[in-house]
Amino acid sequence: MTDTKWTRRKEARPAEIIEAATAIFIRVGYAAANLDDVAHQAGIAKGTLYRYFSDKQSLFRAVVQQAIGRNIEALEAAGGRMNGAIEELVPKLLALAADRSGAGRAPALARMVIAESQAFPDLAAIWHDNVVSRVLSMLSGLIREAQAKGEVRQGDPLIHAFSIVGPMLAALLFHEVFSSTSTQAPDLPRLAEQHAESVLRGLLKPV
C-alpha cells in the first residue's frame, strides 16, 4: 500500500509543480517568479523540481501546454471532423474562447506574456509556438480549403483568420486588464455569438 501510494504521488508531481508554477507566474509575473517558491507551494524540495524541469523556461512551457493544450487539441480535432465547414467551426471556436471557465488561466498568462516578452523573448516564442501558431495555422488551412471549394470569398487566409480571432482576443484581454475598473467590459458569450454571425456573413459566399 505504501509503495502504491508513493507511486501515485510521484506520478502526480509534474501536474502539482505545474499547478503551483501557474499560480505563481500569474501572481508575480515571470521575472519575479522563483523556483524556490514554486517548490515550496508544490510541497517538494527544489531538487525534486529539477528532476522534472531543467529551468524556469521549461516549466513555463509546460504551464502553457497544460493551460491551453487540451482546448487547442479539441479544436484541431473538431476542425478535422468538420471537413472544412467554416460556418460550424467559427462559432465553436469563438464560444470556446468566450468560456472563461474553459479558458481557465489562459488570459492571465497571455497578459503576462505581453507584459514581459520584451525582457524575455523566449516567453513570446513559447506562447507563439504552442498557442498562436497552432490556432492560426488550423484556421487559415480550413479557410484555404473552403476557398478552393468556392465556399469562402478570396483573400489572404491568414488575414481572414486574424479577423476571426482578433476581436475575441481583444475582449479577453480587456476583461483581464480593465474588468475591475470599467463598465464597458463586453459580455463574452454575446460577443462570440454576434461576431461569429458578422464574420461569417462577410466570409461566406452567397449560396
N, C-alpha and C. Protein backbone atom coordinates (compact mmCIF):
# COMPACT_ATOMS: atom_id res chain seq x y z
N MET A 1 0.82 -1.20 0.00
CA MET A 1 0.00 0.00 0.00
C MET A 1 0.86 1.25 0.00
N THR A 2 1.92 1.22 0.81
CA THR A 2 2.80 2.37 0.88
C THR A 2 3.48 2.61 -0.46
N ASP A 3 3.97 1.50 -1.10
CA ASP A 3 4.62 1.64 -2.40
C ASP A 3 3.66 2.18 -3.44
N THR A 4 2.42 1.69 -3.42
CA THR A 4 1.42 2.16 -4.38
C THR A 4 1.12 3.63 -4.18
N LYS A 5 0.97 4.04 -2.92
CA LYS A 5 0.70 5.44 -2.63
C LYS A 5 1.86 6.31 -3.08
N TRP A 6 3.09 5.85 -2.86
CA TRP A 6 4.27 6.61 -3.26
C TRP A 6 4.32 6.76 -4.79
N THR A 7 3.98 5.66 -5.51
CA THR A 7 3.98 5.71 -6.97
C THR A 7 2.97 6.72 -7.48
N ARG A 8 1.76 6.69 -6.89
CA ARG A 8 0.73 7.64 -7.31
C ARG A 8 1.19 9.07 -7.06
N ARG A 9 1.80 9.29 -5.89
CA ARG A 9 2.29 10.61 -5.54
C ARG A 9 3.36 11.08 -6.52
N LYS A 10 4.29 10.18 -6.87
CA LYS A 10 5.36 10.52 -7.80
C LYS A 10 4.81 10.86 -9.17
N GLU A 11 3.81 10.10 -9.63
CA GLU A 11 3.21 10.35 -10.94
C GLU A 11 2.48 11.68 -10.98
N ALA A 12 1.96 12.11 -9.83
CA ALA A 12 1.19 13.35 -9.78
C ALA A 12 2.08 14.59 -9.67
N ARG A 13 3.35 14.39 -9.36
CA ARG A 13 4.21 15.54 -9.06
C ARG A 13 4.33 16.55 -10.21
N PRO A 14 4.56 16.12 -11.47
CA PRO A 14 4.65 17.13 -12.53
C PRO A 14 3.42 18.03 -12.59
N ALA A 15 2.22 17.46 -12.47
CA ALA A 15 1.00 18.27 -12.50
C ALA A 15 0.93 19.20 -11.30
N GLU A 16 1.37 18.73 -10.15
CA GLU A 16 1.36 19.57 -8.95
C GLU A 16 2.35 20.73 -9.09
N ILE A 17 3.51 20.46 -9.68
CA ILE A 17 4.50 21.50 -9.90
C ILE A 17 3.97 22.53 -10.90
N ILE A 18 3.35 22.05 -11.96
CA ILE A 18 2.81 22.96 -12.98
C ILE A 18 1.70 23.83 -12.39
N GLU A 19 0.84 23.23 -11.57
CA GLU A 19 -0.23 23.99 -10.93
C GLU A 19 0.35 25.08 -10.03
N ALA A 20 1.36 24.75 -9.24
CA ALA A 20 1.99 25.73 -8.37
C ALA A 20 2.66 26.83 -9.19
N ALA A 21 3.34 26.45 -10.27
CA ALA A 21 4.03 27.43 -11.11
C ALA A 21 3.03 28.37 -11.79
N THR A 22 1.90 27.82 -12.25
CA THR A 22 0.89 28.65 -12.89
C THR A 22 0.41 29.74 -11.95
N ALA A 23 0.09 29.35 -10.72
CA ALA A 23 -0.39 30.32 -9.75
C ALA A 23 0.65 31.40 -9.47
N ILE A 24 1.91 31.01 -9.38
CA ILE A 24 2.97 31.98 -9.07
C ILE A 24 3.25 32.89 -10.27
N PHE A 25 3.30 32.33 -11.48
CA PHE A 25 3.51 33.16 -12.66
C PHE A 25 2.42 34.22 -12.77
N ILE A 26 1.18 33.83 -12.54
CA ILE A 26 0.07 34.79 -12.65
C ILE A 26 0.14 35.83 -11.54
N ARG A 27 0.52 35.40 -10.35
CA ARG A 27 0.53 36.31 -9.20
C ARG A 27 1.67 37.33 -9.25
N VAL A 28 2.88 36.88 -9.61
CA VAL A 28 4.03 37.80 -9.50
C VAL A 28 4.70 38.08 -10.84
N GLY A 29 4.32 37.36 -11.91
CA GLY A 29 4.97 37.54 -13.19
C GLY A 29 6.14 36.61 -13.37
N TYR A 30 6.63 36.55 -14.60
CA TYR A 30 7.71 35.62 -14.92
C TYR A 30 9.03 36.03 -14.27
N ALA A 31 9.38 37.31 -14.39
CA ALA A 31 10.66 37.76 -13.88
C ALA A 31 10.80 37.52 -12.38
N ALA A 32 9.73 37.79 -11.64
CA ALA A 32 9.79 37.67 -10.18
C ALA A 32 9.54 36.26 -9.69
N ALA A 33 9.07 35.38 -10.56
CA ALA A 33 8.80 34.01 -10.15
C ALA A 33 10.11 33.33 -9.76
N ASN A 34 10.06 32.60 -8.67
CA ASN A 34 11.25 31.96 -8.11
C ASN A 34 10.99 30.46 -7.97
N LEU A 35 11.91 29.66 -8.46
CA LEU A 35 11.70 28.21 -8.41
C LEU A 35 11.66 27.68 -6.98
N ASP A 36 12.32 28.38 -6.06
CA ASP A 36 12.20 28.00 -4.65
C ASP A 36 10.76 28.13 -4.19
N ASP A 37 10.09 29.23 -4.62
CA ASP A 37 8.70 29.44 -4.23
C ASP A 37 7.78 28.41 -4.88
N VAL A 38 8.08 28.05 -6.13
CA VAL A 38 7.29 27.02 -6.81
C VAL A 38 7.40 25.70 -6.06
N ALA A 39 8.63 25.32 -5.71
CA ALA A 39 8.83 24.07 -4.98
C ALA A 39 8.12 24.10 -3.64
N HIS A 40 8.21 25.24 -2.94
CA HIS A 40 7.55 25.35 -1.64
C HIS A 40 6.03 25.21 -1.79
N GLN A 41 5.45 25.89 -2.80
CA GLN A 41 4.00 25.81 -2.98
C GLN A 41 3.57 24.41 -3.39
N ALA A 42 4.41 23.73 -4.13
CA ALA A 42 4.09 22.35 -4.56
C ALA A 42 4.35 21.34 -3.46
N GLY A 43 5.00 21.79 -2.37
CA GLY A 43 5.27 20.90 -1.26
C GLY A 43 6.38 19.90 -1.51
N ILE A 44 7.39 20.32 -2.28
CA ILE A 44 8.50 19.44 -2.61
C ILE A 44 9.82 20.17 -2.40
N ALA A 45 10.91 19.44 -2.40
CA ALA A 45 12.23 20.05 -2.36
C ALA A 45 12.58 20.59 -3.74
N LYS A 46 13.41 21.63 -3.77
CA LYS A 46 13.79 22.21 -5.06
C LYS A 46 14.49 21.18 -5.94
N GLY A 47 15.29 20.30 -5.32
CA GLY A 47 15.95 19.26 -6.09
C GLY A 47 14.96 18.35 -6.80
N THR A 48 13.83 18.10 -6.17
CA THR A 48 12.78 17.28 -6.80
C THR A 48 12.22 17.98 -8.02
N LEU A 49 12.02 19.29 -7.91
CA LEU A 49 11.52 20.06 -9.06
C LEU A 49 12.44 19.89 -10.26
N TYR A 50 13.75 19.94 -10.01
CA TYR A 50 14.71 19.85 -11.11
C TYR A 50 14.75 18.46 -11.75
N ARG A 51 14.18 17.47 -11.11
CA ARG A 51 14.08 16.15 -11.74
C ARG A 51 13.12 16.19 -12.92
N TYR A 52 12.17 17.10 -12.87
CA TYR A 52 11.13 17.17 -13.90
C TYR A 52 11.32 18.35 -14.86
N PHE A 53 11.87 19.45 -14.37
CA PHE A 53 12.01 20.66 -15.18
C PHE A 53 13.41 21.24 -14.99
N SER A 54 14.11 21.43 -16.12
CA SER A 54 15.51 21.84 -16.03
C SER A 54 15.70 23.29 -15.63
N ASP A 55 14.70 24.14 -15.94
CA ASP A 55 14.82 25.56 -15.62
C ASP A 55 13.44 26.20 -15.66
N LYS A 56 13.40 27.50 -15.41
CA LYS A 56 12.11 28.21 -15.37
C LYS A 56 11.45 28.26 -16.74
N GLN A 57 12.25 28.33 -17.78
CA GLN A 57 11.68 28.37 -19.13
C GLN A 57 10.97 27.08 -19.48
N SER A 58 11.57 25.95 -19.17
CA SER A 58 10.93 24.66 -19.47
C SER A 58 9.67 24.49 -18.63
N LEU A 59 9.68 25.04 -17.43
CA LEU A 59 8.48 24.98 -16.58
C LEU A 59 7.37 25.83 -17.16
N PHE A 60 7.73 27.02 -17.67
CA PHE A 60 6.70 27.87 -18.28
C PHE A 60 6.11 27.20 -19.52
N ARG A 61 6.95 26.53 -20.31
CA ARG A 61 6.44 25.82 -21.48
C ARG A 61 5.40 24.77 -21.06
N ALA A 62 5.68 24.06 -20.00
CA ALA A 62 4.73 23.05 -19.51
C ALA A 62 3.45 23.70 -19.01
N VAL A 63 3.57 24.87 -18.38
CA VAL A 63 2.39 25.60 -17.92
C VAL A 63 1.49 25.96 -19.09
N VAL A 64 2.09 26.49 -20.15
CA VAL A 64 1.31 26.88 -21.33
C VAL A 64 0.65 25.67 -21.96
N GLN A 65 1.40 24.59 -22.10
CA GLN A 65 0.85 23.38 -22.73
C GLN A 65 -0.32 22.82 -21.93
N GLN A 66 -0.23 22.88 -20.61
CA GLN A 66 -1.34 22.38 -19.79
C GLN A 66 -2.52 23.34 -19.81
N ALA A 67 -2.25 24.65 -19.78
CA ALA A 67 -3.33 25.63 -19.72
C ALA A 67 -4.13 25.70 -21.02
N ILE A 68 -3.46 25.51 -22.15
CA ILE A 68 -4.10 25.73 -23.45
C ILE A 68 -4.21 24.46 -24.27
N GLY A 69 -3.30 23.53 -24.04
CA GLY A 69 -3.17 22.39 -24.95
C GLY A 69 -4.44 21.61 -25.22
N ARG A 70 -5.18 21.30 -24.17
CA ARG A 70 -6.39 20.48 -24.37
C ARG A 70 -7.42 21.18 -25.24
N ASN A 71 -7.60 22.49 -25.01
CA ASN A 71 -8.56 23.24 -25.83
C ASN A 71 -8.15 23.25 -27.29
N ILE A 72 -6.88 23.47 -27.55
CA ILE A 72 -6.42 23.52 -28.94
C ILE A 72 -6.52 22.14 -29.59
N GLU A 73 -6.19 21.10 -28.85
CA GLU A 73 -6.33 19.75 -29.40
C GLU A 73 -7.79 19.44 -29.73
N ALA A 74 -8.70 19.90 -28.87
CA ALA A 74 -10.13 19.69 -29.14
C ALA A 74 -10.55 20.44 -30.40
N LEU A 75 -10.04 21.66 -30.56
CA LEU A 75 -10.36 22.44 -31.75
C LEU A 75 -9.80 21.80 -33.01
N GLU A 76 -8.55 21.35 -32.94
CA GLU A 76 -7.94 20.71 -34.10
C GLU A 76 -8.72 19.46 -34.49
N ALA A 77 -9.15 18.70 -33.50
CA ALA A 77 -9.95 17.50 -33.77
C ALA A 77 -11.29 17.87 -34.39
N ALA A 78 -11.91 18.95 -33.84
CA ALA A 78 -13.19 19.39 -34.39
C ALA A 78 -13.03 19.86 -35.83
N GLY A 79 -11.94 20.59 -36.10
CA GLY A 79 -11.70 21.05 -37.46
C GLY A 79 -11.55 19.90 -38.43
N GLY A 80 -10.89 18.82 -37.99
CA GLY A 80 -10.75 17.65 -38.85
C GLY A 80 -12.08 16.97 -39.11
N ARG A 81 -12.91 16.88 -38.08
CA ARG A 81 -14.22 16.23 -38.24
C ARG A 81 -15.15 17.04 -39.13
N MET A 82 -15.00 18.38 -39.08
CA MET A 82 -15.93 19.23 -39.83
C MET A 82 -15.58 19.35 -41.30
N ASN A 83 -14.42 18.80 -41.68
CA ASN A 83 -14.04 18.75 -43.08
C ASN A 83 -14.14 20.11 -43.75
N GLY A 84 -13.60 21.13 -43.08
CA GLY A 84 -13.55 22.46 -43.68
C GLY A 84 -14.83 23.26 -43.56
N ALA A 85 -15.77 22.82 -42.74
CA ALA A 85 -17.04 23.55 -42.60
C ALA A 85 -16.84 24.76 -41.71
N ILE A 86 -16.44 25.88 -42.32
CA ILE A 86 -16.11 27.09 -41.57
C ILE A 86 -17.32 27.59 -40.80
N GLU A 87 -18.50 27.47 -41.37
CA GLU A 87 -19.69 28.00 -40.70
C GLU A 87 -19.99 27.26 -39.41
N GLU A 88 -19.45 26.05 -39.23
CA GLU A 88 -19.61 25.31 -37.99
C GLU A 88 -18.45 25.57 -37.03
N LEU A 89 -17.25 25.69 -37.58
CA LEU A 89 -16.07 25.81 -36.73
C LEU A 89 -15.96 27.19 -36.08
N VAL A 90 -16.27 28.25 -36.83
CA VAL A 90 -16.08 29.61 -36.29
C VAL A 90 -16.91 29.83 -35.03
N PRO A 91 -18.22 29.53 -35.02
CA PRO A 91 -18.96 29.70 -33.76
C PRO A 91 -18.42 28.85 -32.62
N LYS A 92 -17.97 27.64 -32.93
CA LYS A 92 -17.42 26.76 -31.89
C LYS A 92 -16.13 27.35 -31.32
N LEU A 93 -15.26 27.83 -32.19
CA LEU A 93 -14.01 28.42 -31.75
C LEU A 93 -14.24 29.64 -30.86
N LEU A 94 -15.14 30.53 -31.30
CA LEU A 94 -15.37 31.75 -30.54
C LEU A 94 -16.10 31.47 -29.23
N ALA A 95 -17.01 30.51 -29.24
CA ALA A 95 -17.70 30.15 -28.00
C ALA A 95 -16.71 29.56 -26.99
N LEU A 96 -15.77 28.77 -27.48
CA LEU A 96 -14.76 28.20 -26.60
C LEU A 96 -13.90 29.29 -25.99
N ALA A 97 -13.52 30.28 -26.80
CA ALA A 97 -12.73 31.40 -26.29
C ALA A 97 -13.52 32.22 -25.28
N ALA A 98 -14.83 32.32 -25.47
CA ALA A 98 -15.66 33.12 -24.56
C ALA A 98 -15.91 32.44 -23.24
N ASP A 99 -15.73 31.12 -23.18
CA ASP A 99 -15.98 30.37 -21.95
C ASP A 99 -14.79 30.51 -21.02
N ARG A 100 -14.85 31.47 -20.12
CA ARG A 100 -13.70 31.73 -19.25
C ARG A 100 -13.44 30.56 -18.30
N SER A 101 -14.47 29.79 -17.99
CA SER A 101 -14.22 28.61 -17.16
C SER A 101 -13.41 27.58 -17.93
N GLY A 102 -13.68 27.48 -19.24
CA GLY A 102 -12.91 26.55 -20.06
C GLY A 102 -11.52 27.08 -20.37
N ALA A 103 -11.44 28.40 -20.60
CA ALA A 103 -10.14 29.00 -20.90
C ALA A 103 -9.25 29.02 -19.68
N GLY A 104 -9.86 28.96 -18.49
CA GLY A 104 -9.08 28.90 -17.26
C GLY A 104 -8.19 30.12 -17.09
N ARG A 105 -6.90 29.85 -16.95
CA ARG A 105 -5.96 30.93 -16.65
C ARG A 105 -5.27 31.45 -17.90
N ALA A 106 -5.70 31.03 -19.07
CA ALA A 106 -5.04 31.43 -20.30
C ALA A 106 -4.98 32.94 -20.49
N PRO A 107 -6.08 33.70 -20.27
CA PRO A 107 -5.99 35.15 -20.46
C PRO A 107 -4.98 35.80 -19.52
N ALA A 108 -4.92 35.34 -18.28
CA ALA A 108 -3.95 35.91 -17.35
C ALA A 108 -2.52 35.60 -17.79
N LEU A 109 -2.29 34.41 -18.30
CA LEU A 109 -0.96 34.06 -18.80
C LEU A 109 -0.63 34.88 -20.04
N ALA A 110 -1.61 35.08 -20.91
CA ALA A 110 -1.38 35.90 -22.11
C ALA A 110 -1.02 37.33 -21.72
N ARG A 111 -1.69 37.86 -20.73
CA ARG A 111 -1.37 39.20 -20.25
C ARG A 111 0.07 39.26 -19.75
N MET A 112 0.50 38.24 -19.03
CA MET A 112 1.87 38.20 -18.52
C MET A 112 2.88 38.15 -19.67
N VAL A 113 2.58 37.34 -20.69
CA VAL A 113 3.48 37.23 -21.84
C VAL A 113 3.61 38.58 -22.53
N ILE A 114 2.49 39.27 -22.73
CA ILE A 114 2.54 40.59 -23.38
C ILE A 114 3.37 41.57 -22.56
N ALA A 115 3.19 41.53 -21.25
CA ALA A 115 3.88 42.48 -20.37
C ALA A 115 5.38 42.22 -20.31
N GLU A 116 5.81 40.95 -20.44
CA GLU A 116 7.20 40.63 -20.16
C GLU A 116 7.97 40.09 -21.36
N SER A 117 7.34 40.04 -22.53
CA SER A 117 8.01 39.43 -23.68
C SER A 117 9.19 40.25 -24.19
N GLN A 118 9.19 41.57 -23.95
CA GLN A 118 10.34 42.36 -24.38
C GLN A 118 11.59 41.96 -23.60
N ALA A 119 11.42 41.75 -22.31
CA ALA A 119 12.57 41.36 -21.48
C ALA A 119 12.89 39.88 -21.63
N PHE A 120 11.88 39.08 -21.94
CA PHE A 120 12.07 37.62 -22.05
C PHE A 120 11.46 37.14 -23.39
N PRO A 121 12.18 37.32 -24.50
CA PRO A 121 11.63 36.94 -25.82
C PRO A 121 11.23 35.47 -25.90
N ASP A 122 11.87 34.62 -25.12
CA ASP A 122 11.53 33.20 -25.17
C ASP A 122 10.08 32.95 -24.72
N LEU A 123 9.56 33.82 -23.85
CA LEU A 123 8.15 33.67 -23.44
C LEU A 123 7.24 33.79 -24.65
N ALA A 124 7.50 34.83 -25.46
CA ALA A 124 6.67 35.03 -26.65
C ALA A 124 6.82 33.86 -27.61
N ALA A 125 8.03 33.32 -27.74
CA ALA A 125 8.25 32.19 -28.64
C ALA A 125 7.48 30.96 -28.18
N ILE A 126 7.50 30.71 -26.88
CA ILE A 126 6.76 29.56 -26.34
C ILE A 126 5.27 29.72 -26.58
N TRP A 127 4.74 30.91 -26.29
CA TRP A 127 3.30 31.17 -26.48
C TRP A 127 2.94 31.08 -27.96
N HIS A 128 3.79 31.64 -28.81
CA HIS A 128 3.53 31.61 -30.25
C HIS A 128 3.47 30.18 -30.76
N ASP A 129 4.49 29.38 -30.41
CA ASP A 129 4.59 28.03 -30.97
C ASP A 129 3.51 27.10 -30.45
N ASN A 130 3.09 27.27 -29.19
CA ASN A 130 2.14 26.36 -28.58
C ASN A 130 0.68 26.81 -28.69
N VAL A 131 0.47 28.10 -28.96
CA VAL A 131 -0.90 28.62 -28.98
C VAL A 131 -1.19 29.32 -30.30
N VAL A 132 -0.55 30.46 -30.51
CA VAL A 132 -0.90 31.33 -31.64
C VAL A 132 -0.72 30.62 -32.98
N SER A 133 0.44 30.04 -33.19
CA SER A 133 0.73 29.41 -34.48
C SER A 133 -0.23 28.27 -34.77
N ARG A 134 -0.55 27.48 -33.75
CA ARG A 134 -1.44 26.33 -33.98
C ARG A 134 -2.85 26.78 -34.35
N VAL A 135 -3.37 27.79 -33.65
CA VAL A 135 -4.72 28.26 -33.96
C VAL A 135 -4.77 28.89 -35.34
N LEU A 136 -3.82 29.78 -35.65
CA LEU A 136 -3.83 30.46 -36.94
C LEU A 136 -3.59 29.48 -38.09
N SER A 137 -2.70 28.50 -37.89
CA SER A 137 -2.44 27.51 -38.95
C SER A 137 -3.69 26.68 -39.22
N MET A 138 -4.36 26.25 -38.16
CA MET A 138 -5.57 25.45 -38.33
C MET A 138 -6.65 26.25 -39.07
N LEU A 139 -6.89 27.48 -38.59
CA LEU A 139 -7.95 28.30 -39.19
C LEU A 139 -7.64 28.65 -40.64
N SER A 140 -6.42 29.12 -40.89
CA SER A 140 -6.09 29.53 -42.25
C SER A 140 -6.10 28.34 -43.20
N GLY A 141 -5.72 27.16 -42.70
CA GLY A 141 -5.78 25.97 -43.53
C GLY A 141 -7.20 25.61 -43.92
N LEU A 142 -8.12 25.68 -42.95
CA LEU A 142 -9.52 25.39 -43.24
C LEU A 142 -10.13 26.43 -44.17
N ILE A 143 -9.73 27.68 -44.00
CA ILE A 143 -10.23 28.74 -44.88
C ILE A 143 -9.73 28.50 -46.30
N ARG A 144 -8.46 28.12 -46.44
CA ARG A 144 -7.90 27.84 -47.77
C ARG A 144 -8.68 26.69 -48.44
N GLU A 145 -9.00 25.66 -47.69
CA GLU A 145 -9.77 24.54 -48.25
C GLU A 145 -11.15 25.02 -48.69
N ALA A 146 -11.79 25.85 -47.85
CA ALA A 146 -13.13 26.34 -48.19
C ALA A 146 -13.09 27.25 -49.41
N GLN A 147 -12.01 28.02 -49.56
CA GLN A 147 -11.87 28.85 -50.75
C GLN A 147 -11.75 27.99 -52.00
N ALA A 148 -11.00 26.90 -51.89
CA ALA A 148 -10.83 26.00 -53.04
C ALA A 148 -12.16 25.38 -53.46
N LYS A 149 -13.07 25.20 -52.51
CA LYS A 149 -14.39 24.65 -52.80
C LYS A 149 -15.37 25.72 -53.27
N GLY A 150 -14.95 26.97 -53.24
CA GLY A 150 -15.82 28.06 -53.64
C GLY A 150 -16.81 28.49 -52.58
N GLU A 151 -16.55 28.13 -51.31
CA GLU A 151 -17.48 28.45 -50.23
C GLU A 151 -17.15 29.76 -49.51
N VAL A 152 -15.89 30.15 -49.57
CA VAL A 152 -15.42 31.34 -48.86
C VAL A 152 -14.81 32.31 -49.86
N ARG A 153 -15.03 33.61 -49.62
CA ARG A 153 -14.51 34.64 -50.51
C ARG A 153 -12.98 34.57 -50.57
N GLN A 154 -12.44 35.05 -51.69
CA GLN A 154 -11.00 35.09 -51.84
C GLN A 154 -10.39 36.13 -50.89
N GLY A 155 -9.09 36.04 -50.73
CA GLY A 155 -8.38 36.89 -49.79
C GLY A 155 -7.35 36.05 -49.06
N ASP A 156 -6.42 36.71 -48.43
CA ASP A 156 -5.36 36.00 -47.71
C ASP A 156 -5.97 35.20 -46.56
N PRO A 157 -5.84 33.86 -46.57
CA PRO A 157 -6.44 33.06 -45.50
C PRO A 157 -5.95 33.43 -44.11
N LEU A 158 -4.67 33.81 -44.00
CA LEU A 158 -4.14 34.18 -42.69
C LEU A 158 -4.79 35.45 -42.17
N ILE A 159 -5.00 36.42 -43.08
CA ILE A 159 -5.66 37.66 -42.66
C ILE A 159 -7.11 37.39 -42.28
N HIS A 160 -7.77 36.51 -43.02
CA HIS A 160 -9.13 36.10 -42.63
C HIS A 160 -9.12 35.48 -41.22
N ALA A 161 -8.11 34.65 -40.96
CA ALA A 161 -8.02 34.01 -39.63
C ALA A 161 -7.84 35.06 -38.54
N PHE A 162 -6.99 36.05 -38.78
CA PHE A 162 -6.82 37.13 -37.81
C PHE A 162 -8.13 37.87 -37.57
N SER A 163 -8.90 38.08 -38.63
CA SER A 163 -10.16 38.82 -38.48
C SER A 163 -11.17 38.04 -37.64
N ILE A 164 -11.03 36.72 -37.60
CA ILE A 164 -11.93 35.89 -36.79
C ILE A 164 -11.54 35.94 -35.32
N VAL A 165 -10.27 35.74 -35.02
CA VAL A 165 -9.86 35.61 -33.61
C VAL A 165 -9.51 36.93 -32.95
N GLY A 166 -9.18 37.97 -33.74
CA GLY A 166 -8.70 39.22 -33.17
C GLY A 166 -9.64 39.88 -32.17
N PRO A 167 -10.91 40.11 -32.53
CA PRO A 167 -11.82 40.76 -31.59
C PRO A 167 -12.02 39.99 -30.30
N MET A 168 -12.02 38.66 -30.38
CA MET A 168 -12.22 37.86 -29.18
C MET A 168 -11.01 37.97 -28.26
N LEU A 169 -9.81 37.97 -28.85
CA LEU A 169 -8.60 38.12 -28.05
C LEU A 169 -8.59 39.49 -27.36
N ALA A 170 -8.97 40.53 -28.11
CA ALA A 170 -9.01 41.87 -27.52
C ALA A 170 -9.98 41.93 -26.35
N ALA A 171 -11.13 41.27 -26.50
CA ALA A 171 -12.14 41.28 -25.43
C ALA A 171 -11.65 40.54 -24.19
N LEU A 172 -10.97 39.41 -24.39
CA LEU A 172 -10.44 38.65 -23.26
C LEU A 172 -9.40 39.47 -22.49
N LEU A 173 -8.53 40.15 -23.24
CA LEU A 173 -7.53 40.97 -22.58
C LEU A 173 -8.17 42.19 -21.91
N PHE A 174 -9.22 42.73 -22.50
CA PHE A 174 -9.95 43.84 -21.88
C PHE A 174 -10.47 43.40 -20.51
N HIS A 175 -11.07 42.23 -20.46
CA HIS A 175 -11.57 41.69 -19.18
C HIS A 175 -10.43 41.53 -18.19
N GLU A 176 -9.31 41.01 -18.67
CA GLU A 176 -8.19 40.73 -17.78
C GLU A 176 -7.60 42.00 -17.19
N VAL A 177 -7.58 43.09 -17.99
CA VAL A 177 -6.92 44.32 -17.55
C VAL A 177 -7.89 45.30 -16.91
N PHE A 178 -9.11 45.42 -17.48
CA PHE A 178 -9.99 46.52 -17.09
C PHE A 178 -11.29 46.12 -16.39
N SER A 179 -11.57 44.83 -16.26
CA SER A 179 -12.90 44.44 -15.78
C SER A 179 -13.22 44.98 -14.40
N SER A 180 -12.21 45.21 -13.57
CA SER A 180 -12.47 45.72 -12.22
C SER A 180 -12.68 47.22 -12.19
N THR A 181 -12.36 47.91 -13.28
CA THR A 181 -12.45 49.38 -13.28
C THR A 181 -13.36 49.93 -14.37
N SER A 182 -13.79 49.10 -15.32
CA SER A 182 -14.58 49.59 -16.44
C SER A 182 -15.97 48.94 -16.47
N THR A 183 -16.95 49.74 -16.87
CA THR A 183 -18.31 49.21 -17.06
C THR A 183 -18.53 48.76 -18.49
N GLN A 184 -17.50 48.85 -19.33
CA GLN A 184 -17.65 48.54 -20.75
C GLN A 184 -17.09 47.17 -21.14
N ALA A 185 -16.71 46.38 -20.16
CA ALA A 185 -16.23 45.04 -20.49
C ALA A 185 -17.35 44.26 -21.17
N PRO A 186 -17.11 43.72 -22.37
CA PRO A 186 -18.19 43.08 -23.12
C PRO A 186 -18.61 41.75 -22.52
N ASP A 187 -19.87 41.41 -22.74
CA ASP A 187 -20.36 40.08 -22.40
C ASP A 187 -19.76 39.11 -23.41
N LEU A 188 -18.90 38.23 -22.96
CA LEU A 188 -18.11 37.41 -23.88
C LEU A 188 -18.95 36.43 -24.70
N PRO A 189 -19.90 35.69 -24.09
CA PRO A 189 -20.71 34.80 -24.94
C PRO A 189 -21.52 35.56 -25.99
N ARG A 190 -22.05 36.72 -25.63
CA ARG A 190 -22.81 37.51 -26.62
C ARG A 190 -21.89 38.01 -27.72
N LEU A 191 -20.69 38.45 -27.34
CA LEU A 191 -19.72 38.89 -28.35
C LEU A 191 -19.37 37.74 -29.29
N ALA A 192 -19.14 36.56 -28.73
CA ALA A 192 -18.79 35.40 -29.56
C ALA A 192 -19.89 35.10 -30.56
N GLU A 193 -21.13 35.12 -30.10
CA GLU A 193 -22.26 34.81 -30.99
C GLU A 193 -22.42 35.87 -32.08
N GLN A 194 -22.37 37.15 -31.68
CA GLN A 194 -22.58 38.23 -32.64
C GLN A 194 -21.42 38.32 -33.63
N HIS A 195 -20.20 38.17 -33.12
CA HIS A 195 -19.04 38.26 -34.02
C HIS A 195 -19.02 37.09 -35.00
N ALA A 196 -19.38 35.90 -34.55
CA ALA A 196 -19.43 34.75 -35.46
C ALA A 196 -20.41 35.02 -36.59
N GLU A 197 -21.57 35.57 -36.25
CA GLU A 197 -22.57 35.89 -37.28
C GLU A 197 -22.04 36.93 -38.25
N SER A 198 -21.39 37.97 -37.72
CA SER A 198 -20.90 39.06 -38.57
C SER A 198 -19.77 38.59 -39.48
N VAL A 199 -18.81 37.87 -38.91
CA VAL A 199 -17.65 37.48 -39.71
C VAL A 199 -18.02 36.44 -40.76
N LEU A 200 -18.95 35.56 -40.45
CA LEU A 200 -19.38 34.57 -41.45
C LEU A 200 -20.15 35.23 -42.57
N ARG A 201 -20.91 36.26 -42.24
CA ARG A 201 -21.65 36.98 -43.28
C ARG A 201 -20.67 37.62 -44.28
N GLY A 202 -19.51 38.04 -43.78
CA GLY A 202 -18.50 38.61 -44.66
C GLY A 202 -17.67 37.57 -45.40
N LEU A 203 -17.43 36.42 -44.76
CA LEU A 203 -16.56 35.40 -45.35
C LEU A 203 -17.24 34.53 -46.39
N LEU A 204 -18.45 34.07 -46.06
CA LEU A 204 -19.09 33.05 -46.89
C LEU A 204 -19.67 33.65 -48.14
N LYS A 205 -19.52 32.94 -49.23
CA LYS A 205 -20.14 33.36 -50.48
C LYS A 205 -21.64 33.05 -50.44
N PRO A 206 -22.47 33.92 -51.03
CA PRO A 206 -23.91 33.61 -51.08
C PRO A 206 -24.16 32.30 -51.81
N VAL A 207 -25.10 31.54 -51.28
CA VAL A 207 -25.43 30.24 -51.90
C VAL A 207 -26.24 30.48 -53.16
